[in-house]
Protein backbone atom coordinates (compact mmCIF):
# COMPACT_ATOMS: atom_id res chain seq x y z
CA MET A 1 2.93 11.50 -35.72
CA THR A 2 5.37 10.53 -38.39
CA ASP A 3 7.58 13.55 -37.68
CA ASN A 4 7.58 12.61 -34.15
CA THR A 5 6.20 16.78 -33.30
CA LEU A 6 4.01 16.75 -30.20
CA THR A 7 0.78 18.78 -30.39
CA PRO A 8 -1.11 19.42 -27.10
CA ILE A 9 -4.88 18.13 -27.62
CA THR A 10 -7.06 21.14 -28.33
CA GLU A 11 -9.72 19.22 -30.20
CA GLN A 12 -12.91 17.73 -28.60
CA SER A 13 -12.45 14.51 -30.71
CA ALA A 14 -9.04 13.89 -30.16
CA LEU A 15 -9.63 14.25 -26.18
CA GLU A 16 -12.12 11.77 -26.57
CA ASP A 17 -9.88 9.50 -28.25
CA LEU A 18 -7.17 9.59 -25.93
CA CYS A 19 -9.40 8.94 -22.48
CA GLY A 20 -11.33 6.13 -25.09
CA ALA A 21 -7.74 4.63 -25.37
CA LEU A 22 -6.54 5.37 -21.59
CA SER A 23 -9.74 3.80 -20.31
CA GLU A 24 -8.53 0.26 -21.56
CA SER A 25 -5.81 -0.17 -18.96
CA ASP A 26 -6.36 -0.79 -15.51
CA PHE A 27 -4.27 2.25 -14.60
CA VAL A 28 -3.39 5.48 -16.01
CA CYS A 29 -0.57 8.00 -15.31
CA VAL A 30 -0.92 11.39 -14.55
CA ASP A 31 0.84 14.83 -14.26
CA THR A 32 0.06 17.88 -14.21
CA GLU A 33 1.82 21.61 -14.57
CA PHE A 34 0.26 24.47 -13.17
CA HIS A 35 0.65 28.17 -11.84
CA ARG A 36 -0.07 29.11 -8.47
CA GLU A 37 2.32 31.84 -7.72
CA THR A 38 0.17 34.49 -7.27
CA THR A 39 -3.23 33.01 -7.14
CA TYR A 40 -4.63 30.83 -4.26
CA TRP A 41 -6.05 28.69 -6.50
CA PRO A 42 -3.89 26.84 -8.77
CA GLU A 43 -4.39 27.35 -12.59
CA LEU A 44 -4.20 24.38 -14.40
CA CYS A 45 -1.98 24.79 -17.51
CA LEU A 46 -1.34 21.09 -18.85
CA ILE A 47 -2.12 17.44 -18.40
CA GLN A 48 -0.19 14.86 -19.14
CA ALA A 49 -1.47 11.31 -19.27
CA SER A 50 -0.30 7.68 -20.25
CA ALA A 51 -1.21 3.83 -20.40
CA PRO A 52 0.70 0.88 -21.74
CA GLY A 53 0.60 1.63 -25.52
CA VAL A 54 -0.86 5.20 -25.19
CA GLU A 55 -0.32 8.90 -24.14
CA GLY A 56 -0.67 12.33 -24.93
CA LEU A 57 -1.11 16.00 -23.67
CA ILE A 58 -3.84 17.91 -22.62
CA ASP A 59 -4.16 21.69 -23.33
CA PRO A 60 -6.99 22.79 -20.84
CA ARG A 61 -6.60 26.36 -21.75
CA ALA A 62 -7.32 25.70 -25.31
CA GLU A 63 -10.38 27.22 -26.33
CA ASP A 64 -13.56 25.33 -26.89
CA LEU A 65 -11.88 22.65 -25.11
CA ASP A 66 -14.22 20.99 -22.43
CA ILE A 67 -11.82 18.43 -20.42
CA ARG A 68 -15.16 16.63 -18.78
CA PRO A 69 -14.57 13.26 -20.78
CA PHE A 70 -10.70 13.26 -18.87
CA LEU A 71 -12.32 14.44 -15.40
CA ASP A 72 -14.96 11.50 -15.98
CA LEU A 73 -12.23 8.87 -16.44
CA ILE A 74 -10.29 9.88 -13.29
CA ALA A 75 -13.21 10.44 -10.97
CA SER A 76 -13.81 6.86 -11.84
CA ASP A 77 -12.76 4.49 -9.50
CA ARG A 78 -12.50 1.86 -11.82
CA GLN A 79 -8.27 2.64 -12.65
CA LEU A 80 -5.76 2.98 -10.63
CA LYS A 81 -4.38 6.97 -10.81
CA VAL A 82 -0.38 6.86 -10.85
CA PHE A 83 0.96 10.02 -9.62
CA HIS A 84 4.44 11.27 -8.19
CA ALA A 85 4.27 13.53 -5.16
CA ALA A 86 0.91 13.10 -5.81
CA ARG A 87 -0.90 16.32 -3.42
CA GLN A 88 -0.74 19.02 -5.49
CA ASP A 89 -2.17 17.35 -8.27
CA ILE A 90 -4.91 15.72 -6.80
CA GLU A 91 -5.85 19.10 -4.85
CA ILE A 92 -6.33 20.35 -8.13
CA PHE A 93 -8.62 17.53 -9.26
CA ASN A 94 -10.25 17.70 -6.13
CA ARG A 95 -11.89 20.86 -7.04
CA LEU A 96 -12.41 20.15 -10.54
CA ILE A 97 -14.53 16.88 -9.69
CA GLY A 98 -15.35 17.60 -6.43
CA HIS A 99 -13.17 14.58 -4.52
CA PRO A 100 -10.05 13.07 -4.76
CA PRO A 101 -9.50 10.65 -7.71
CA GLY A 102 -9.27 7.40 -6.17
CA PRO A 103 -7.95 4.84 -5.96
CA ILE A 104 -4.09 6.30 -5.79
CA PHE A 105 -0.67 4.96 -6.41
CA ASP A 106 1.98 7.87 -5.33
CA THR A 107 5.60 6.79 -6.46
CA GLN A 108 7.31 8.87 -4.33
CA VAL A 109 5.56 6.60 -1.43
CA ALA A 110 6.00 3.79 -2.78
CA ALA A 111 9.70 4.74 -3.36
CA MET A 112 9.99 4.58 0.41
CA ALA A 113 8.20 1.07 0.92
CA LEU A 114 11.49 -0.10 -1.11
CA GLY A 115 14.13 1.77 0.77
CA PHE A 116 14.87 4.27 -2.19
CA GLY A 117 14.97 6.86 0.17
CA ASP A 118 12.58 9.69 1.60
CA SER A 119 10.79 12.08 -0.41
CA ILE A 120 13.11 11.01 -3.42
CA SER A 121 12.38 13.48 -6.66
CA TYR A 122 10.91 12.42 -10.01
CA ASP A 123 14.55 12.48 -11.63
CA ASN A 124 16.20 10.68 -8.75
CA LEU A 125 13.47 8.41 -8.81
CA ILE A 126 13.66 7.42 -12.62
CA GLN A 127 17.49 7.30 -12.59
CA ARG A 128 17.27 4.64 -9.87
CA VAL A 129 14.49 2.71 -11.59
CA LEU A 130 14.96 2.69 -14.74
CA ARG A 131 18.81 4.12 -14.97
CA LYS A 132 17.60 7.15 -17.53
CA HIS A 133 18.71 10.78 -16.71
CA ILE A 134 15.94 13.79 -17.47
CA ASP A 135 17.16 16.87 -18.60
CA LYS A 136 15.47 19.19 -16.19
CA SER A 137 16.17 21.91 -17.96
CA SER A 138 12.62 22.53 -18.61
CA GLN A 139 11.73 21.81 -14.86
CA PHE A 140 11.14 25.96 -13.99
CA THR A 141 9.14 27.02 -17.07
CA ASP A 142 6.05 29.44 -17.78
CA TRP A 143 3.40 26.55 -18.26
CA MET A 144 1.18 29.36 -19.20
CA ARG A 145 2.74 30.87 -21.99
CA ARG A 146 1.64 29.83 -25.30
CA PRO A 147 2.93 28.17 -28.00
CA LEU A 148 4.78 25.67 -25.33
CA SER A 149 8.43 24.67 -27.31
CA GLN A 150 8.98 21.22 -28.22
CA LYS A 151 11.41 21.11 -25.60
CA GLN A 152 8.85 22.00 -23.10
CA LEU A 153 6.29 19.26 -24.37
CA VAL A 154 8.82 16.36 -24.20
CA TYR A 155 9.89 17.05 -21.22
CA ALA A 156 6.24 17.16 -20.02
CA LEU A 157 5.70 13.90 -21.82
CA GLY A 158 8.40 12.27 -20.21
CA ASP A 159 6.82 12.96 -16.56
CA VAL A 160 4.15 10.04 -17.70
CA THR A 161 6.30 7.75 -20.13
CA HIS A 162 8.81 7.48 -17.69
CA LEU A 163 6.38 7.33 -14.52
CA ARG A 164 4.71 4.51 -16.50
CA ASP A 165 7.91 2.72 -17.15
CA ALA A 166 8.94 3.39 -13.38
CA TYR A 167 5.39 2.22 -11.71
CA LEU A 168 5.32 -1.21 -13.45
CA LYS A 169 8.70 -2.14 -11.89
CA MET A 170 8.09 -1.08 -8.59
CA ARG A 171 4.54 -2.79 -8.60
CA ASP A 172 6.36 -6.05 -9.49
CA GLU A 173 9.03 -5.49 -6.93
CA LEU A 174 6.64 -4.18 -4.13
CA GLU A 175 4.54 -8.00 -4.95
CA LYS A 176 7.53 -10.04 -4.45
CA ALA A 177 8.65 -8.19 -1.41
CA GLY A 178 5.35 -8.63 -0.40
CA ARG A 179 4.61 -4.95 0.34
CA MET A 180 2.18 -3.50 -2.04
CA ASN A 181 -0.43 -3.57 1.11
CA TRP A 182 2.31 -0.85 2.90
CA VAL A 183 1.44 1.17 0.26
CA ARG A 184 -2.13 1.16 0.03
CA GLU A 185 -2.55 1.99 3.44
CA GLU A 186 -0.23 5.25 3.17
CA MET A 187 -2.70 6.31 0.18
CA ALA A 188 -5.28 6.76 2.75
CA GLU A 189 -4.40 10.18 3.33
CA LEU A 190 -3.87 11.22 -0.17
CA GLU A 191 -7.89 9.28 -1.00
CA ASP A 192 -9.27 11.17 1.92
CA PRO A 193 -11.53 14.70 1.20
CA ALA A 194 -10.51 16.03 4.48
CA THR A 195 -7.05 15.97 3.04
CA TYR A 196 -7.77 19.10 0.70
CA ASP A 197 -10.50 20.85 2.73
CA THR A 198 -10.27 24.63 2.16
CA ASP A 199 -13.17 25.23 4.71
CA PRO A 200 -11.79 28.85 6.33
CA MET A 201 -13.10 27.91 9.88
CA ASN A 202 -10.35 24.82 9.35
CA ALA A 203 -7.57 27.09 8.37
CA TRP A 204 -5.95 27.34 11.74
CA GLN A 205 -4.96 23.72 11.95
CA ARG A 206 -2.23 24.75 9.06
CA LEU A 207 -0.97 26.55 12.26
CA LYS A 208 0.78 25.50 15.40
CA LEU A 209 -0.98 26.94 18.63
CA ARG A 210 1.70 27.57 20.71
CA MET A 211 -0.21 28.41 23.86
CA PRO A 212 -2.91 26.37 25.81
CA LYS A 213 -4.80 29.43 26.32
CA LYS A 214 -8.48 30.10 25.19
CA ASP A 215 -8.18 33.85 23.99
CA TYR A 216 -4.86 33.48 22.27
CA ALA A 217 -6.19 29.95 20.28
CA ALA A 218 -9.68 31.86 19.94
CA ILE A 219 -8.12 34.56 17.74
CA VAL A 220 -5.82 32.12 15.95
CA VAL A 221 -9.17 30.53 14.62
CA ALA A 222 -10.92 33.79 13.69
CA VAL A 223 -7.82 35.55 11.75
CA ALA A 224 -7.02 32.62 10.01
CA ALA A 225 -10.58 31.67 8.88
CA TRP A 226 -10.54 35.73 7.55
CA ARG A 227 -7.49 35.42 5.91
CA GLU A 228 -8.55 32.17 4.10
CA ARG A 229 -11.97 33.90 3.32
CA THR A 230 -10.02 36.98 2.18
CA ALA A 231 -7.31 35.01 -0.07
CA GLN A 232 -10.31 32.65 -1.50
CA GLU A 233 -12.62 35.64 -2.58
CA LEU A 234 -9.60 37.66 -4.09
CA ASP A 235 -7.76 34.41 -5.40
CA LYS A 236 -4.23 35.22 -3.81
CA PRO A 237 -1.69 33.15 -1.63
CA ARG A 238 -2.44 33.36 2.05
CA ARG A 239 0.99 34.88 2.63
CA ARG A 240 0.00 37.98 0.55
CA ILE A 241 -2.76 38.78 2.74
CA LEU A 242 -1.19 38.00 6.27
CA LYS A 243 2.01 35.85 6.95
CA ASP A 244 2.26 33.10 9.54
CA ASP A 245 3.91 34.92 11.80
CA ALA A 246 1.70 37.80 12.17
CA ILE A 247 -1.05 35.84 13.07
CA GLN A 248 0.59 34.23 15.81
CA GLU A 249 1.87 37.78 16.88
CA ILE A 250 -1.76 38.79 16.73
CA ALA A 251 -2.90 36.39 18.57
CA ALA A 252 -0.16 36.78 21.60
CA GLN A 253 -0.36 40.99 21.88
CA LYS A 254 -4.19 40.88 21.38
CA PRO A 255 -4.08 44.42 19.41
CA ARG A 256 -7.08 46.84 19.86
CA SER A 257 -6.13 50.18 18.47
CA GLU A 258 -3.85 51.23 15.09
CA GLU A 259 -1.38 51.94 17.97
CA ASP A 260 -1.17 48.26 19.26
CA PHE A 261 -0.93 47.13 15.29
CA ASN A 262 1.84 49.59 14.58
CA GLN A 263 3.66 47.89 17.08
CA LEU A 264 3.75 44.27 15.98
CA ARG A 265 6.61 43.09 14.26
CA ALA A 266 5.01 41.16 12.08
CA VAL A 267 2.17 43.26 10.28
CA PRO A 268 3.55 45.90 8.27
CA ASN A 269 2.62 49.42 9.30
CA GLY A 270 -0.42 51.20 8.16
CA PHE A 271 -2.11 47.57 7.33
CA ILE A 272 -4.78 48.37 9.96
CA ARG A 273 -5.68 50.93 7.28
CA SER A 274 -5.67 49.30 4.33
CA LYS A 275 -8.79 47.77 2.65
CA HIS A 276 -8.47 44.62 4.57
CA GLY A 277 -7.98 46.07 7.78
CA GLN A 278 -11.37 46.38 8.84
CA GLY A 279 -11.86 42.53 8.52
CA LEU A 280 -8.72 41.89 10.36
CA VAL A 281 -10.03 43.94 13.16
CA ASP A 282 -13.40 42.07 13.38
CA ALA A 283 -11.93 39.01 13.36
CA ILE A 284 -10.08 39.90 16.19
CA LYS A 285 -12.98 41.42 18.25
CA GLU A 286 -15.30 38.84 17.56
CA ALA A 287 -12.68 35.91 19.16
CA LEU A 288 -12.45 37.73 21.98
CA ALA A 289 -16.04 38.41 22.69
CA ASN A 290 -16.95 34.90 22.21
CA PRO A 291 -13.87 32.92 22.68
CA ASP A 292 -15.81 29.68 23.19
CA ALA A 293 -17.42 30.06 19.81
CA PHE A 294 -13.75 29.94 18.14
CA ALA A 295 -11.53 28.19 20.36
CA PRO A 296 -10.86 24.33 19.78
CA GLU A 297 -10.60 21.65 22.91
CA LEU A 298 -7.44 22.71 24.38
CA THR A 299 -5.77 19.88 26.03
CA ARG A 300 -1.87 20.79 27.84
CA PRO A 301 0.95 18.87 26.39
CA VAL A 302 2.52 16.19 28.03
CA GLN A 303 5.67 17.43 29.34
CA ASN A 304 9.41 16.18 28.22
CA ALA A 305 10.08 15.60 31.90
CA GLN A 306 7.99 12.49 31.50
CA ILE A 307 10.02 10.73 28.96
CA PRO A 308 12.34 8.35 30.31
CA ALA A 309 16.28 9.89 29.14
CA GLY A 310 17.34 8.69 26.61
CA ALA A 311 14.47 6.74 25.42
CA PRO A 312 13.96 8.98 22.18
CA GLU A 313 17.43 8.28 21.08
CA LEU A 314 17.48 4.72 22.08
CA LEU A 315 14.20 3.99 19.98
CA LYS A 316 15.51 5.85 17.38
CA VAL A 317 18.80 3.57 16.95
CA LEU A 318 16.42 0.82 16.98
CA LEU A 319 14.48 2.36 14.16
CA LYS A 320 17.27 2.96 12.13
CA HIS A 321 18.17 -0.69 12.54
CA VAL A 322 15.00 -2.29 11.42
CA SER A 323 14.53 0.25 8.77
CA ASP A 324 17.97 -0.53 7.47
CA GLU A 325 17.45 -4.64 8.17
CA ASN A 326 14.34 -4.50 6.13
CA ASN A 327 15.28 -1.91 3.34
CA VAL A 328 12.32 0.83 3.99
CA VAL A 329 12.99 4.34 4.96
CA PRO A 330 12.65 5.16 8.58
CA ARG A 331 10.05 7.70 8.45
CA LEU A 332 7.74 5.22 6.63
CA ILE A 333 7.97 3.22 10.24
CA ALA A 334 7.52 6.12 12.63
CA ASN A 335 7.64 9.62 12.89
CA SER A 336 9.25 11.93 15.80
CA SER A 337 5.73 12.09 16.99
CA ASP A 338 5.35 7.92 17.46
CA ILE A 339 8.91 7.78 18.88
CA ASP A 340 8.36 10.25 21.53
CA ARG A 341 5.10 8.86 22.81
CA ILE A 342 6.32 5.21 22.70
CA ALA A 343 9.03 6.67 25.13
CA ARG A 344 6.39 7.60 27.25
CA GLY A 345 4.81 4.29 27.20
CA GLU A 346 2.06 5.16 24.97
CA THR A 347 0.50 1.95 23.13
CA SER A 348 -2.60 2.51 21.65
CA GLU A 349 -3.24 2.23 18.06
CA ASP A 350 -3.76 5.80 16.95
CA ILE A 351 0.08 5.38 16.94
CA ALA A 352 1.03 3.86 13.56
CA ALA A 353 3.90 2.12 14.67
CA MET A 354 1.64 0.02 17.06
CA THR A 355 -0.34 -1.04 14.37
CA GLY A 356 0.28 -3.63 11.19
CA TRP A 357 3.10 -4.35 9.46
CA ARG A 358 4.51 -1.53 11.31
CA TYR A 359 4.37 -3.09 14.60
CA ASP A 360 5.72 -6.29 13.35
CA MET A 361 9.10 -4.64 12.14
CA PHE A 362 9.37 -2.08 14.78
CA GLY A 363 6.42 -1.22 17.21
CA GLN A 364 7.20 -5.07 19.49
CA LYS A 365 10.75 -4.89 19.37
CA ALA A 366 10.39 -0.92 20.83
CA ILE A 367 8.24 -2.29 23.81
CA ALA A 368 10.78 -4.63 24.74
CA LEU A 369 13.49 -2.34 24.94
CA LEU A 370 11.60 0.10 26.77
CA SER A 371 10.80 -2.70 29.35
CA GLY A 372 14.26 -3.93 29.57
CA LYS A 373 13.03 -7.62 27.51
CA LEU A 374 15.62 -6.44 24.83
CA ALA A 375 18.85 -4.93 24.69
CA VAL A 376 21.01 -2.99 22.07
CA SER A 377 24.95 -3.32 21.56
CA PHE A 378 27.40 -2.62 19.07
CA ASN A 379 29.70 -4.92 17.59
CA GLY A 380 32.24 -3.72 14.52
CA GLY A 381 30.62 -0.72 14.39
CA GLN A 382 27.08 -2.66 13.63
CA VAL A 383 24.04 -2.93 15.92
CA ARG A 384 23.22 -6.01 17.46
CA LEU A 385 19.79 -6.65 19.26
CA PHE A 386 19.46 -9.66 21.80
CA ASP A 387 16.75 -10.88 24.45
CA VAL A 388 17.30 -10.46 27.87
């Protein structure tokens, strides 16, 4: 527009024109604004999209606008979809199109491969890559209200126009460094439908099983499933139904009567008499009556005593050294669980640090260090490695 006024797309023909222009590129940058503070399912409020030479805002709340042309565009595997911190955006599209849009490129993950930092924010990424500063005053706003202000729209569109420019630079840097395959490997989880699973019977996996006891685990599974179903049916956040701490306390204490429930600290007094109370009681009874039907296979954790004293700390020194040397964020190479398992002497391929480029960079050195074939020393405040 000649007056530079931004207007979200609310008409079908304009949406089809935008999608046609976006489809001509080999990649499309996508962002969303949504609301979910009071709901289980995120409410989509705005879609931002860009590609070289084209960008636009789509109002999915516009009356009579069918966003199917855009959903068809990102459902296709012909184009790369570029996001920053992609998981929540992909969760929305996964529900709308029935599967995660792919292939994916997440600039937050790519930033780790380039040594920019762990979980870098969008504005910090743009400062780092493009040397631009973003006005964040519209970051926390009510995207459900209409009309949206020009300031909000400019901010929202910048999320994909800056992203487009940053992606092109990051892509070139990754290819030059030979690290594009690293990012593609990391995208597997984001592109996996299981990442966005909302099956109530799998809801317990968000919680930590604190005791290797069948009846405890069965209650965690059953109550988590009941909470998930209730939250989905009412379209309310899980925490509004029952908090995580309450599930853990219920599983540990196994309350059976109203008096038992009133003794629990994490369960509100009188909850058992509320409209949801009987559903919770039934879930507990079912779990206790048939724990085998609910409890997952339990394995006792390997005790930390089996880890040689000081081994994890020594491996962390090694990890920090190789990550600094190669300009990669340490967590992209190995996480704390990997470190503990390697310290115990495990080398199986289900440990990410024991496969591919991570093994070449860190895993084989970790094995050598623990077997006494590699030593670490400090010289002038710097870590030095030498063969033994």
